[in-house]
Amino acid sequence: EVQKLNKLNIITGVGNPNSVLASALETFGDMEMNLITFPDHYAYTDDELISLTSNLKDGEVIVTTEKDWVKWKSLHKFIEIFKNLKYTLFVLKINMELNEEEKLKRLLDSLVSNYEKEISQV
């Protein structure tokens, strides 16, 4: 039996959480969503994720990004408890698009060049 999705709980720690929300809307359509954000590169703890996921109701799912999932899956206590809750987890793949690739290349070249100058002066 396929469970009807009632609510998405989006948990993420990325620089632009609105992009995750937009991806979720595009993927799942217009439904109730709860966006829970953490700072970019956040170091999640077992207890935080257990607390956030322990009160889910039937039909609620968790959505996160690949970037977050890499961190989550190393939290063994959370993973064991989450498996026993039998809730659905969706992991969104986030793509990056560069609008000004040449400008970025010049900036990186400049940073590398300045770093090389600093190193040579030591």
PDB file of N, CA and C in Angstrom:
ATOM      1  N   GLU A   1       0.840  -1.181   0.000  1.00  0.00           N
ATOM      2  CA  GLU A   1       0.000   0.000   0.000  1.00  0.00           C
ATOM      3  C   GLU A   1       0.886   1.246   0.000  1.00  0.00           C
ATOM      4  N   VAL A   2       0.622   2.159  -0.917  1.00  0.00           N
ATOM      5  CA  VAL A   2       1.396   3.390  -1.010  1.00  0.00           C
ATOM      6  C   VAL A   2       0.807   4.416  -0.049  1.00  0.00           C
ATOM      7  N   GLN A   3       1.678   4.983   0.753  1.00  0.00           N
ATOM      8  CA  GLN A   3       1.248   5.975   1.736  1.00  0.00           C
ATOM      9  C   GLN A   3       1.073   7.326   1.070  1.00  0.00           C
ATOM     10  N   LYS A   4      -0.039   7.992   1.353  1.00  0.00           N
ATOM     11  CA  LYS A   4      -0.275   9.333   0.816  1.00  0.00           C
ATOM     12  C   LYS A   4       0.611  10.328   1.566  1.00  0.00           C
ATOM     13  N   LEU A   5       1.261  11.203   0.804  1.00  0.00           N
ATOM     14  CA  LEU A   5       2.110  12.216   1.418  1.00  0.00           C
ATOM     15  C   LEU A   5       1.249  13.387   1.854  1.00  0.00           C
ATOM     16  N   ASN A   6       1.268  13.695   3.139  1.00  0.00           N
ATOM     17  CA  ASN A   6       0.468  14.794   3.666  1.00  0.00           C
ATOM     18  C   ASN A   6       1.272  16.072   3.867  1.00  0.00           C
ATOM     19  N   LYS A   7       2.512  15.912   4.273  1.00  0.00           N
ATOM     20  CA  LYS A   7       3.316  17.090   4.627  1.00  0.00           C
ATOM     21  C   LYS A   7       4.784  16.762   4.433  1.00  0.00           C
ATOM     22  N   LEU A   8       5.509  17.723   3.863  1.00  0.00           N
ATOM     23  CA  LEU A   8       6.956  17.582   3.710  1.00  0.00           C
ATOM     24  C   LEU A   8       7.641  18.391   4.793  1.00  0.00           C
ATOM     25  N   ASN A   9       8.590  17.770   5.466  1.00  0.00           N
ATOM     26  CA  ASN A   9       9.427  18.447   6.444  1.00  0.00           C
ATOM     27  C   ASN A   9      10.811  18.563   5.822  1.00  0.00           C
ATOM     28  N   ILE A  10      11.126  19.738   5.329  1.00  0.00           N
ATOM     29  CA  ILE A  10      12.390  19.968   4.637  1.00  0.00           C
ATOM     30  C   ILE A  10      13.401  20.443   5.676  1.00  0.00           C
ATOM     31  N   ILE A  11      14.453  19.666   5.841  1.00  0.00           N
ATOM     32  CA  ILE A  11      15.497  19.991   6.813  1.00  0.00           C
ATOM     33  C   ILE A  11      16.799  20.142   6.039  1.00  0.00           C
ATOM     34  N   THR A  12      17.395  21.328   6.113  1.00  0.00           N
ATOM     35  CA  THR A  12      18.599  21.555   5.318  1.00  0.00           C
ATOM     36  C   THR A  12      19.519  22.597   5.937  1.00  0.00           C
ATOM     37  N   GLY A  13      20.786  22.461   5.623  1.00  0.00           N
ATOM     38  CA  GLY A  13      21.798  23.429   6.028  1.00  0.00           C
ATOM     39  C   GLY A  13      22.619  23.795   4.804  1.00  0.00           C
ATOM     40  N   VAL A  14      22.027  24.567   3.925  1.00  0.00           N
ATOM     41  CA  VAL A  14      22.720  25.013   2.712  1.00  0.00           C
ATOM     42  C   VAL A  14      22.701  26.536   2.660  1.00  0.00           C
ATOM     43  N   GLY A  15      23.534  27.096   1.803  1.00  0.00           N
ATOM     44  CA  GLY A  15      23.643  28.545   1.691  1.00  0.00           C
ATOM     45  C   GLY A  15      22.370  29.223   1.226  1.00  0.00           C
ATOM     46  N   ASN A  16      21.604  28.547   0.368  1.00  0.00           N
ATOM     47  CA  ASN A  16      20.378  29.126  -0.162  1.00  0.00           C
ATOM     48  C   ASN A  16      19.221  28.144   0.038  1.00  0.00           C
ATOM     49  N   PRO A  17      18.626  28.137   1.238  1.00  0.00           N
ATOM     50  CA  PRO A  17      17.549  27.185   1.496  1.00  0.00           C
ATOM     51  C   PRO A  17      16.325  27.388   0.604  1.00  0.00           C
ATOM     52  N   ASN A  18      16.146  28.592   0.063  1.00  0.00           N
ATOM     53  CA  ASN A  18      15.011  28.821  -0.833  1.00  0.00           C
ATOM     54  C   ASN A  18      15.125  27.991  -2.103  1.00  0.00           C
ATOM     55  N   SER A  19      16.361  27.690  -2.521  1.00  0.00           N
ATOM     56  CA  SER A  19      16.530  26.841  -3.699  1.00  0.00           C
ATOM     57  C   SER A  19      16.071  25.415  -3.399  1.00  0.00           C
ATOM     58  N   VAL A  20      16.252  24.970  -2.167  1.00  0.00           N
ATOM     59  CA  VAL A  20      15.789  23.645  -1.766  1.00  0.00           C
ATOM     60  C   VAL A  20      14.264  23.625  -1.745  1.00  0.00           C
ATOM     61  N   LEU A  21      13.679  24.679  -1.223  1.00  0.00           N
ATOM     62  CA  LEU A  21      12.219  24.800  -1.202  1.00  0.00           C
ATOM     63  C   LEU A  21      11.662  24.789  -2.630  1.00  0.00           C
ATOM     64  N   ALA A  22      12.310  25.522  -3.519  1.00  0.00           N
ATOM     65  CA  ALA A  22      11.867  25.563  -4.923  1.00  0.00           C
ATOM     66  C   ALA A  22      11.979  24.180  -5.561  1.00  0.00           C
ATOM     67  N   SER A  23      13.053  23.457  -5.276  1.00  0.00           N
ATOM     68  CA  SER A  23      13.223  22.106  -5.808  1.00  0.00           C
ATOM     69  C   SER A  23      12.146  21.167  -5.268  1.00  0.00           C
ATOM     70  N   ALA A  24      11.823  21.320  -3.997  1.00  0.00           N
ATOM     71  CA  ALA A  24      10.780  20.484  -3.398  1.00  0.00           C
ATOM     72  C   ALA A  24       9.425  20.780  -4.033  1.00  0.00           C
ATOM     73  N   LEU A  25       9.132  22.053  -4.254  1.00  0.00           N
ATOM     74  CA  LEU A  25       7.874  22.423  -4.914  1.00  0.00           C
ATOM     75  C   LEU A  25       7.803  21.837  -6.320  1.00  0.00           C
ATOM     76  N   GLU A  26       8.914  21.914  -7.037  1.00  0.00           N
ATOM     77  CA  GLU A  26       8.964  21.380  -8.396  1.00  0.00           C
ATOM     78  C   GLU A  26       8.802  19.853  -8.391  1.00  0.00           C
ATOM     79  N   THR A  27       9.383  19.198  -7.417  1.00  0.00           N
ATOM     80  CA  THR A  27       9.357  17.736  -7.337  1.00  0.00           C
ATOM     81  C   THR A  27       8.029  17.201  -6.821  1.00  0.00           C
ATOM     82  N   PHE A  28       7.500  17.806  -5.767  1.00  0.00           N
ATOM     83  CA  PHE A  28       6.331  17.256  -5.085  1.00  0.00           C
ATOM     84  C   PHE A  28       5.040  18.009  -5.352  1.00  0.00           C
ATOM     85  N   GLY A  29       5.133  19.166  -5.965  1.00  0.00           N
ATOM     86  CA  GLY A  29       3.928  19.946  -6.224  1.00  0.00           C
ATOM     87  C   GLY A  29       3.515  20.757  -5.014  1.00  0.00           C
ATOM     88  N   ASP A  30       2.362  21.330  -5.129  1.00  0.00           N
ATOM     89  CA  ASP A  30       1.853  22.229  -4.096  1.00  0.00           C
ATOM     90  C   ASP A  30       1.243  21.421  -2.957  1.00  0.00           C
ATOM     91  N   MET A  31       1.970  21.312  -1.876  1.00  0.00           N
ATOM     92  CA  MET A  31       1.469  20.637  -0.679  1.00  0.00           C
ATOM     93  C   MET A  31       2.047  21.319   0.548  1.00  0.00           C
ATOM     94  N   GLU A  32       1.548  20.962   1.705  1.00  0.00           N
ATOM     95  CA  GLU A  32       2.037  21.582   2.935  1.00  0.00           C
ATOM     96  C   GLU A  32       3.511  21.246   3.139  1.00  0.00           C
ATOM     97  N   MET A  33       4.295  22.298   3.398  1.00  0.00           N
ATOM     98  CA  MET A  33       5.729  22.108   3.613  1.00  0.00           C
ATOM     99  C   MET A  33       6.172  22.876   4.842  1.00  0.00           C
ATOM    100  N   ASN A  34       7.064  22.261   5.586  1.00  0.00           N
ATOM    101  CA  ASN A  34       7.658  22.860   6.769  1.00  0.00           C
ATOM    102  C   ASN A  34       9.161  22.949   6.508  1.00  0.00           C
ATOM    103  N   LEU A  35       9.687  24.162   6.356  1.00  0.00           N
ATOM    104  CA  LEU A  35      11.107  24.358   6.058  1.00  0.00           C
ATOM    105  C   LEU A  35      11.869  24.643   7.345  1.00  0.00           C
ATOM    106  N   ILE A  36      12.813  23.767   7.662  1.00  0.00           N
ATOM    107  CA  ILE A  36      13.651  23.921   8.855  1.00  0.00           C
ATOM    108  C   ILE A  36      15.078  24.113   8.358  1.00  0.00           C
ATOM    109  N   THR A  37      15.644  25.271   8.642  1.00  0.00           N
ATOM    110  CA  THR A  37      16.970  25.578   8.102  1.00  0.00           C
ATOM    111  C   THR A  37      18.027  25.660   9.196  1.00  0.00           C
ATOM    112  N   PHE A  38      19.228  25.307   8.791  1.00  0.00           N
ATOM    113  CA  PHE A  38      20.416  25.426   9.622  1.00  0.00           C
ATOM    114  C   PHE A  38      21.445  26.209   8.813  1.00  0.00           C
ATOM    115  N   PRO A  39      22.458  26.752   9.456  1.00  0.00           N
ATOM    116  CA  PRO A  39      23.497  27.470   8.709  1.00  0.00           C
ATOM    117  C   PRO A  39      24.205  26.551   7.706  1.00  0.00           C
ATOM    118  N   ASP A  40      24.756  27.146   6.670  1.00  0.00           N
ATOM    119  CA  ASP A  40      25.515  26.408   5.670  1.00  0.00           C
ATOM    120  C   ASP A  40      26.663  25.660   6.353  1.00  0.00           C
ATOM    121  N   HIS A  41      26.930  24.452   5.923  1.00  0.00           N
ATOM    122  CA  HIS A  41      28.000  23.582   6.461  1.00  0.00           C
ATOM    123  C   HIS A  41      27.760  23.216   7.926  1.00  0.00           C
ATOM    124  N   TYR A  42      26.519  23.135   8.315  1.00  0.00           N
ATOM    125  CA  TYR A  42      26.169  22.854   9.709  1.00  0.00           C
ATOM    126  C   TYR A  42      26.595  21.448  10.121  1.00  0.00           C
ATOM    127  N   ALA A  43      27.092  21.328  11.328  1.00  0.00           N
ATOM    128  CA  ALA A  43      27.483  20.025  11.886  1.00  0.00           C
ATOM    129  C   ALA A  43      26.313  19.496  12.726  1.00  0.00           C
ATOM    130  N   TYR A  44      25.466  18.690  12.102  1.00  0.00           N
ATOM    131  CA  TYR A  44      24.294  18.140  12.779  1.00  0.00           C
ATOM    132  C   TYR A  44      24.720  17.205  13.909  1.00  0.00           C
ATOM    133  N   THR A  45      23.834  17.070  14.902  1.00  0.00           N
ATOM    134  CA  THR A  45      24.058  16.091  15.966  1.00  0.00           C
ATOM    135  C   THR A  45      22.928  15.067  15.936  1.00  0.00           C
ATOM    136  N   ASP A  46      23.216  13.890  16.487  1.00  0.00           N
ATOM    137  CA  ASP A  46      22.192  12.855  16.604  1.00  0.00           C
ATOM    138  C   ASP A  46      20.954  13.396  17.306  1.00  0.00           C
ATOM    139  N   ASP A  47      21.164  14.029  18.445  1.00  0.00           N
ATOM    140  CA  ASP A  47      20.038  14.486  19.264  1.00  0.00           C
ATOM    141  C   ASP A  47      19.155  15.502  18.539  1.00  0.00           C
ATOM    142  N   GLU A  48      19.763  16.408  17.782  1.00  0.00           N
ATOM    143  CA  GLU A  48      18.963  17.395  17.029  1.00  0.00           C
ATOM    144  C   GLU A  48      18.055  16.709  16.016  1.00  0.00           C
ATOM    145  N   LEU A  49      18.635  15.809  15.239  1.00  0.00           N
ATOM    146  CA  LEU A  49      17.843  15.146  14.197  1.00  0.00           C
ATOM    147  C   LEU A  49      16.806  14.206  14.793  1.00  0.00           C
ATOM    148  N   ILE A  50      17.139  13.545  15.880  1.00  0.00           N
ATOM    149  CA  ILE A  50      16.159  12.685  16.549  1.00  0.00           C
ATOM    150  C   ILE A  50      14.995  13.528  17.043  1.00  0.00           C
ATOM    151  N   SER A  51      15.292  14.663  17.638  1.00  0.00           N
ATOM    152  CA  SER A  51      14.248  15.558  18.136  1.00  0.00           C
ATOM    153  C   SER A  51      13.360  16.070  16.991  1.00  0.00           C
ATOM    154  N   LEU A  52      13.982  16.445  15.873  1.00  0.00           N
ATOM    155  CA  LEU A  52      13.216  16.975  14.741  1.00  0.00           C
ATOM    156  C   LEU A  52      12.321  15.930  14.082  1.00  0.00           C
ATOM    157  N   THR A  53      12.728  14.673  14.118  1.00  0.00           N
ATOM    158  CA  THR A  53      11.985  13.643  13.396  1.00  0.00           C
ATOM    159  C   THR A  53      11.090  12.778  14.279  1.00  0.00           C
ATOM    160  N   SER A  54      11.213  12.887  15.579  1.00  0.00           N
ATOM    161  CA  SER A  54      10.490  11.973  16.475  1.00  0.00           C
ATOM    162  C   SER A  54       8.990  12.246  16.558  1.00  0.00           C
ATOM    163  N   ASN A  55       8.546  13.430  16.174  1.00  0.00           N
ATOM    164  CA  ASN A  55       7.129  13.757  16.305  1.00  0.00           C
ATOM    165  C   ASN A  55       6.375  13.761  14.981  1.00  0.00           C
ATOM    166  N   LEU A  56       6.929  13.115  13.969  1.00  0.00           N
ATOM    167  CA  LEU A  56       6.246  13.067  12.679  1.00  0.00           C
ATOM    168  C   LEU A  56       4.983  12.225  12.778  1.00  0.00           C
ATOM    169  N   LYS A  57       3.995  12.598  11.959  1.00  0.00           N
ATOM    170  CA  LYS A  57       2.735  11.860  11.921  1.00  0.00           C
ATOM    171  C   LYS A  57       2.658  11.055  10.629  1.00  0.00           C
ATOM    172  N   ASP A  58       1.714  10.131  10.565  1.00  0.00           N
ATOM    173  CA  ASP A  58       1.522   9.338   9.358  1.00  0.00           C
ATOM    174  C   ASP A  58       1.356  10.239   8.149  1.00  0.00           C
ATOM    175  N   GLY A  59       2.045   9.910   7.075  1.00  0.00           N
ATOM    176  CA  GLY A  59       1.946  10.680   5.846  1.00  0.00           C
ATOM    177  C   GLY A  59       2.946  11.816   5.750  1.00  0.00           C
ATOM    178  N   GLU A  60       3.626  12.133   6.849  1.00  0.00           N
ATOM    179  CA  GLU A  60       4.653  13.168   6.810  1.00  0.00           C
ATOM    180  C   GLU A  60       5.967  12.534   6.379  1.00  0.00           C
ATOM    181  N   VAL A  61       6.727  13.269   5.601  1.00  0.00           N
ATOM    182  CA  VAL A  61       8.021  12.766   5.138  1.00  0.00           C
ATOM    183  C   VAL A  61       9.095  13.800   5.416  1.00  0.00           C
ATOM    184  N   ILE A  62      10.333  13.353   5.347  1.00  0.00           N
ATOM    185  CA  ILE A  62      11.478  14.249   5.503  1.00  0.00           C
ATOM    186  C   ILE A  62      12.136  14.401   4.150  1.00  0.00           C
ATOM    187  N   VAL A  63      12.494  15.631   3.842  1.00  0.00           N
ATOM    188  CA  VAL A  63      13.223  15.940   2.612  1.00  0.00           C
ATOM    189  C   VAL A  63      14.493  16.666   3.013  1.00  0.00           C
ATOM    190  N   THR A  64      15.612  16.256   2.428  1.00  0.00           N
ATOM    191  CA  THR A  64      16.875  16.945   2.654  1.00  0.00           C
ATOM    192  C   THR A  64      17.673  16.916   1.357  1.00  0.00           C
ATOM    193  N   THR A  65      18.864  17.461   1.389  1.00  0.00           N
ATOM    194  CA  THR A  65      19.705  17.493   0.196  1.00  0.00           C
ATOM    195  C   THR A  65      20.791  16.420   0.287  1.00  0.00           C
ATOM    196  N   GLU A  66      21.396  16.124  -0.851  1.00  0.00           N
ATOM    197  CA  GLU A  66      22.529  15.190  -0.853  1.00  0.00           C
ATOM    198  C   GLU A  66      23.627  15.678   0.076  1.00  0.00           C
ATOM    199  N   LYS A  67      23.860  16.977   0.055  1.00  0.00           N
ATOM    200  CA  LYS A  67      24.909  17.575   0.897  1.00  0.00           C
ATOM    201  C   LYS A  67      24.639  17.297   2.379  1.00  0.00           C
ATOM    202  N   ASP A  68      23.366  17.440   2.787  1.00  0.00           N
ATOM    203  CA  ASP A  68      23.014  17.176   4.182  1.00  0.00           C
ATOM    204  C   ASP A  68      23.044  15.681   4.483  1.00  0.00           C
ATOM    205  N   TRP A  69      22.540  14.874   3.554  1.00  0.00           N
ATOM    206  CA  TRP A  69      22.468  13.440   3.765  1.00  0.00           C
ATOM    207  C   TRP A  69      23.851  12.830   4.027  1.00  0.00           C
ATOM    208  N   VAL A  70      24.870  13.336   3.359  1.00  0.00           N
ATOM    209  CA  VAL A  70      26.230  12.835   3.590  1.00  0.00           C
ATOM    210  C   VAL A  70      26.588  12.972   5.070  1.00  0.00           C
ATOM    211  N   LYS A  71      26.176  14.056   5.687  1.00  0.00           N
ATOM    212  CA  LYS A  71      26.460  14.259   7.114  1.00  0.00           C
ATOM    213  C   LYS A  71      25.545  13.402   7.988  1.00  0.00           C
ATOM    214  N   TRP A  72      24.276  13.334   7.611  1.00  0.00           N
ATOM    215  CA  TRP A  72      23.301  12.604   8.421  1.00  0.00           C
ATOM    216  C   TRP A  72      23.636  11.129   8.535  1.00  0.00           C
ATOM    217  N   LYS A  73      24.035  10.528   7.417  1.00  0.00           N
ATOM    218  CA  LYS A  73      24.203   9.068   7.437  1.00  0.00           C
ATOM    219  C   LYS A  73      25.377   8.612   8.297  1.00  0.00           C
ATOM    220  N   SER A  74      26.219   9.535   8.737  1.00  0.00           N
ATOM    221  CA  SER A  74      27.305   9.172   9.650  1.00  0.00           C
ATOM    222  C   SER A  74      26.871   9.256  11.111  1.00  0.00           C
ATOM    223  N   LEU A  75      25.649   9.709  11.349  1.00  0.00           N
ATOM    224  CA  LEU A  75      25.123   9.815  12.719  1.00  0.00           C
ATOM    225  C   LEU A  75      24.380   8.519  13.054  1.00  0.00           C
ATOM    226  N   HIS A  76      25.106   7.546  13.565  1.00  0.00           N
ATOM    227  CA  HIS A  76      24.599   6.190  13.727  1.00  0.00           C
ATOM    228  C   HIS A  76      23.390   6.089  14.660  1.00  0.00           C
ATOM    229  N   LYS A  77      23.406   6.827  15.742  1.00  0.00           N
ATOM    230  CA  LYS A  77      22.272   6.788  16.681  1.00  0.00           C
ATOM    231  C   LYS A  77      21.002   7.276  15.971  1.00  0.00           C
ATOM    232  N   PHE A  78      21.098   8.383  15.257  1.00  0.00           N
ATOM    233  CA  PHE A  78      19.952   8.916  14.514  1.00  0.00           C
ATOM    234  C   PHE A  78      19.468   7.918  13.473  1.00  0.00           C
ATOM    235  N   ILE A  79      20.379   7.338  12.714  1.00  0.00           N
ATOM    236  CA  ILE A  79      20.013   6.408  11.645  1.00  0.00           C
ATOM    237  C   ILE A  79      19.283   5.195  12.219  1.00  0.00           C
ATOM    238  N   GLU A  80      19.764   4.644  13.309  1.00  0.00           N
ATOM    239  CA  GLU A  80      19.106   3.476  13.916  1.00  0.00           C
ATOM    240  C   GLU A  80      17.694   3.814  14.385  1.00  0.00           C
ATOM    241  N   ILE A  81      17.538   4.946  15.033  1.00  0.00           N
ATOM    242  CA  ILE A  81      16.209   5.354  15.502  1.00  0.00           C
ATOM    243  C   ILE A  81      15.305   5.661  14.310  1.00  0.00           C
ATOM    244  N   PHE A  82      15.840   6.338  13.309  1.00  0.00           N
ATOM    245  CA  PHE A  82      15.045   6.697  12.137  1.00  0.00           C
ATOM    246  C   PHE A  82      14.550   5.450  11.404  1.00  0.00           C
ATOM    247  N   LYS A  83      15.395   4.435  11.280  1.00  0.00           N
ATOM    248  CA  LYS A  83      14.992   3.181  10.619  1.00  0.00           C
ATOM    249  C   LYS A  83      13.790   2.559  11.336  1.00  0.00           C
ATOM    250  N   ASN A  84      13.793   2.618  12.641  1.00  0.00           N
ATOM    251  CA  ASN A  84      12.697   2.036  13.414  1.00  0.00           C
ATOM    252  C   ASN A  84      11.405   2.840  13.317  1.00  0.00           C
ATOM    253  N   LEU A  85      11.501   4.122  13.007  1.00  0.00           N
ATOM    254  CA  LEU A  85      10.299   4.946  12.858  1.00  0.00           C
ATOM    255  C   LEU A  85       9.570   4.652  11.550  1.00  0.00           C
ATOM    256  N   LYS A  86      10.290   4.125  10.576  1.00  0.00           N
ATOM    257  CA  LYS A  86       9.735   3.737   9.283  1.00  0.00           C
ATOM    258  C   LYS A  86       9.069   4.898   8.536  1.00  0.00           C
ATOM    259  N   TYR A  87       9.661   6.060   8.623  1.00  0.00           N
ATOM    260  CA  TYR A  87       9.178   7.194   7.849  1.00  0.00           C
ATOM    261  C   TYR A  87       9.949   7.291   6.548  1.00  0.00           C
ATOM    262  N   THR A  88       9.388   8.003   5.609  1.00  0.00           N
ATOM    263  CA  THR A  88      10.003   8.148   4.298  1.00  0.00           C
ATOM    264  C   THR A  88      10.951   9.332   4.301  1.00  0.00           C
ATOM    265  N   LEU A  89      12.091   9.131   3.663  1.00  0.00           N
ATOM    266  CA  LEU A  89      13.097  10.183   3.502  1.00  0.00           C
ATOM    267  C   LEU A  89      13.375  10.345   2.014  1.00  0.00           C
ATOM    268  N   PHE A  90      13.277  11.583   1.527  1.00  0.00           N
ATOM    269  CA  PHE A  90      13.648  11.907   0.157  1.00  0.00           C
ATOM    270  C   PHE A  90      14.902  12.756   0.200  1.00  0.00           C
ATOM    271  N   VAL A  91      15.864  12.434  -0.652  1.00  0.00           N
ATOM    272  CA  VAL A  91      17.105  13.195  -0.744  1.00  0.00           C
ATOM    273  C   VAL A  91      17.124  13.888  -2.097  1.00  0.00           C
ATOM    274  N   LEU A  92      17.134  15.235  -2.067  1.00  0.00           N
ATOM    275  CA  LEU A  92      17.131  16.023  -3.294  1.00  0.00           C
ATOM    276  C   LEU A  92      18.540  16.232  -3.816  1.00  0.00           C
ATOM    277  N   LYS A  93      18.688  16.065  -5.101  1.00  0.00           N
ATOM    278  CA  LYS A  93      19.954  16.370  -5.752  1.00  0.00           C
ATOM    279  C   LYS A  93      19.897  17.844  -6.154  1.00  0.00           C
ATOM    280  N   ILE A  94      20.883  18.593  -5.743  1.00  0.00           N
ATOM    281  CA  ILE A  94      20.937  20.022  -6.039  1.00  0.00           C
ATOM    282  C   ILE A  94      22.052  20.268  -7.043  1.00  0.00           C
ATOM    283  N   ASN A  95      21.711  20.919  -8.117  1.00  0.00           N
ATOM    284  CA  ASN A  95      22.700  21.255  -9.141  1.00  0.00           C
ATOM    285  C   ASN A  95      23.077  22.720  -9.030  1.00  0.00           C
ATOM    286  N   MET A  96      24.323  23.010  -9.367  1.00  0.00           N
ATOM    287  CA  MET A  96      24.795  24.386  -9.345  1.00  0.00           C
ATOM    288  C   MET A  96      24.922  24.883 -10.781  1.00  0.00           C
ATOM    289  N   GLU A  97      24.480  26.096 -10.986  1.00  0.00           N
ATOM    290  CA  GLU A  97      24.559  26.693 -12.317  1.00  0.00           C
ATOM    291  C   GLU A  97      25.335  28.002 -12.219  1.00  0.00           C
ATOM    292  N   LEU A  98      26.357  28.135 -13.052  1.00  0.00           N
ATOM    293  CA  LEU A  98      27.158  29.355 -13.059  1.00  0.00           C
ATOM    294  C   LEU A  98      26.642  30.283 -14.151  1.00  0.00           C
ATOM    295  N   ASN A  99      26.296  31.488 -13.758  1.00  0.00           N
ATOM    296  CA  ASN A  99      25.831  32.466 -14.730  1.00  0.00           C
ATOM    297  C   ASN A  99      26.988  33.246 -15.343  1.00  0.00           C
ATOM    298  N   GLU A 100      28.026  33.446 -14.562  1.00  0.00           N
ATOM    299  CA  GLU A 100      29.167  34.241 -15.024  1.00  0.00           C
ATOM    300  C   GLU A 100      30.447  33.443 -14.831  1.00  0.00           C
ATOM    301  N   GLU A 101      30.607  32.404 -15.628  1.00  0.00           N
ATOM    302  CA  GLU A 101      31.726  31.485 -15.476  1.00  0.00           C
ATOM    303  C   GLU A 101      33.073  32.181 -15.653  1.00  0.00           C
ATOM    304  N   GLU A 102      33.192  33.054 -16.650  1.00  0.00           N
ATOM    305  CA  GLU A 102      34.472  33.754 -16.882  1.00  0.00           C
ATOM    306  C   GLU A 102      34.838  34.643 -15.708  1.00  0.00           C
ATOM    307  N   LYS A 103      33.863  35.320 -15.138  1.00  0.00           N
ATOM    308  CA  LYS A 103      34.113  36.176 -13.979  1.00  0.00           C
ATOM    309  C   LYS A 103      34.625  35.346 -12.804  1.00  0.00           C
ATOM    310  N   LEU A 104      34.039  34.164 -12.600  1.00  0.00           N
ATOM    311  CA  LEU A 104      34.489  33.276 -11.537  1.00  0.00           C
ATOM    312  C   LEU A 104      35.922  32.804 -11.788  1.00  0.00           C
ATOM    313  N   LYS A 105      36.235  32.447 -13.019  1.00  0.00           N
ATOM    314  CA  LYS A 105      37.597  32.008 -13.354  1.00  0.00           C
ATOM    315  C   LYS A 105      38.616  33.100 -13.073  1.00  0.00           C
ATOM    316  N   ARG A 106      38.294  34.351 -13.450  1.00  0.00           N
ATOM    317  CA  ARG A 106      39.211  35.472 -13.192  1.00  0.00           C
ATOM    318  C   ARG A 106      39.405  35.680 -11.693  1.00  0.00           C
ATOM    319  N   LEU A 107      38.334  35.576 -10.937  1.00  0.00           N
ATOM    320  CA  LEU A 107      38.416  35.738  -9.489  1.00  0.00           C
ATOM    321  C   LEU A 107      39.299  34.650  -8.882  1.00  0.00           C
ATOM    322  N   LEU A 108      39.091  33.408  -9.279  1.00  0.00           N
ATOM    323  CA  LEU A 108      39.903  32.308  -8.758  1.00  0.00           C
ATOM    324  C   LEU A 108      41.365  32.460  -9.152  1.00  0.00           C
ATOM    325  N   ASP A 109      41.624  32.849 -10.407  1.00  0.00           N
ATOM    326  CA  ASP A 109      43.004  33.080 -10.845  1.00  0.00           C
ATOM    327  C   ASP A 109      43.669  34.159 -10.010  1.00  0.00           C
ATOM    328  N   SER A 110      42.930  35.209  -9.726  1.00  0.00           N
ATOM    329  CA  SER A 110      43.457  36.307  -8.916  1.00  0.00           C
ATOM    330  C   SER A 110      43.778  35.834  -7.494  1.00  0.00           C
ATOM    331  N   LEU A 111      42.894  35.051  -6.910  1.00  0.00           N
ATOM    332  CA  LEU A 111      43.133  34.549  -5.554  1.00  0.00           C
ATOM    333  C   LEU A 111      44.348  33.639  -5.506  1.00  0.00           C
ATOM    334  N   VAL A 112      44.468  32.763  -6.485  1.00  0.00           N
ATOM    335  CA  VAL A 112      45.609  31.855  -6.539  1.00  0.00           C
ATOM    336  C   VAL A 112      46.892  32.646  -6.735  1.00  0.00           C
ATOM    337  N   SER A 113      46.859  33.628  -7.618  1.00  0.00           N
ATOM    338  CA  SER A 113      48.030  34.449  -7.887  1.00  0.00           C
ATOM    339  C   SER A 113      48.465  35.196  -6.624  1.00  0.00           C
ATOM    340  N   ASN A 114      47.498  35.791  -5.899  1.00  0.00           N
ATOM    341  CA  ASN A 114      47.818  36.505  -4.660  1.00  0.00           C
ATOM    342  C   ASN A 114      48.373  35.554  -3.604  1.00  0.00           C
ATOM    343  N   TYR A 115      47.822  34.363  -3.518  1.00  0.00           N
ATOM    344  CA  TYR A 115      48.309  33.371  -2.561  1.00  0.00           C
ATOM    345  C   TYR A 115      49.743  32.965  -2.896  1.00  0.00           C
ATOM    346  N   GLU A 116      50.028  32.770  -4.192  1.00  0.00           N
ATOM    347  CA  GLU A 116      51.370  32.401  -4.607  1.00  0.00           C
ATOM    348  C   GLU A 116      52.372  33.498  -4.255  1.00  0.00           C
ATOM    349  N   LYS A 117      51.966  34.773  -4.419  1.00  0.00           N
ATOM    350  CA  LYS A 117      52.839  35.886  -4.050  1.00  0.00           C
ATOM    351  C   LYS A 117      53.129  35.874  -2.554  1.00  0.00           C
ATOM    352  N   GLU A 118      52.092  35.636  -1.740  1.00  0.00           N
ATOM    353  CA  GLU A 118      52.274  35.602  -0.293  1.00  0.00           C
ATOM    354  C   GLU A 118      53.225  34.477   0.113  1.00  0.00           C
ATOM    355  N   ILE A 119      53.068  33.330  -0.507  1.00  0.00           N
ATOM    356  CA  ILE A 119      53.920  32.185  -0.191  1.00  0.00           C
ATOM    357  C   ILE A 119      55.368  32.480  -0.557  1.00  0.00           C
ATOM    358  N   SER A 120      55.591  33.128  -1.701  1.00  0.00           N
ATOM    359  CA  SER A 120      56.962  33.382  -2.149  1.00  0.00           C
ATOM    360  C   SER A 120      57.659  34.412  -1.260  1.00  0.00           C
ATOM    361  N   GLN A 121      56.887  35.238  -0.527  1.00  0.00           N
ATOM    362  CA  GLN A 121      57.480  36.246   0.335  1.00  0.00           C
ATOM    363  C   GLN A 121      57.829  35.713   1.722  1.00  0.00           C
ATOM    364  N   VAL A 122      57.441  34.504   2.002  1.00  0.00           N
ATOM    365  CA  VAL A 122      57.683  33.933   3.340  1.00  0.00           C
ATOM    366  C   VAL A 122      59.077  33.423   3.465  1.00  0.00           C
TER     367      VAL A 122
END
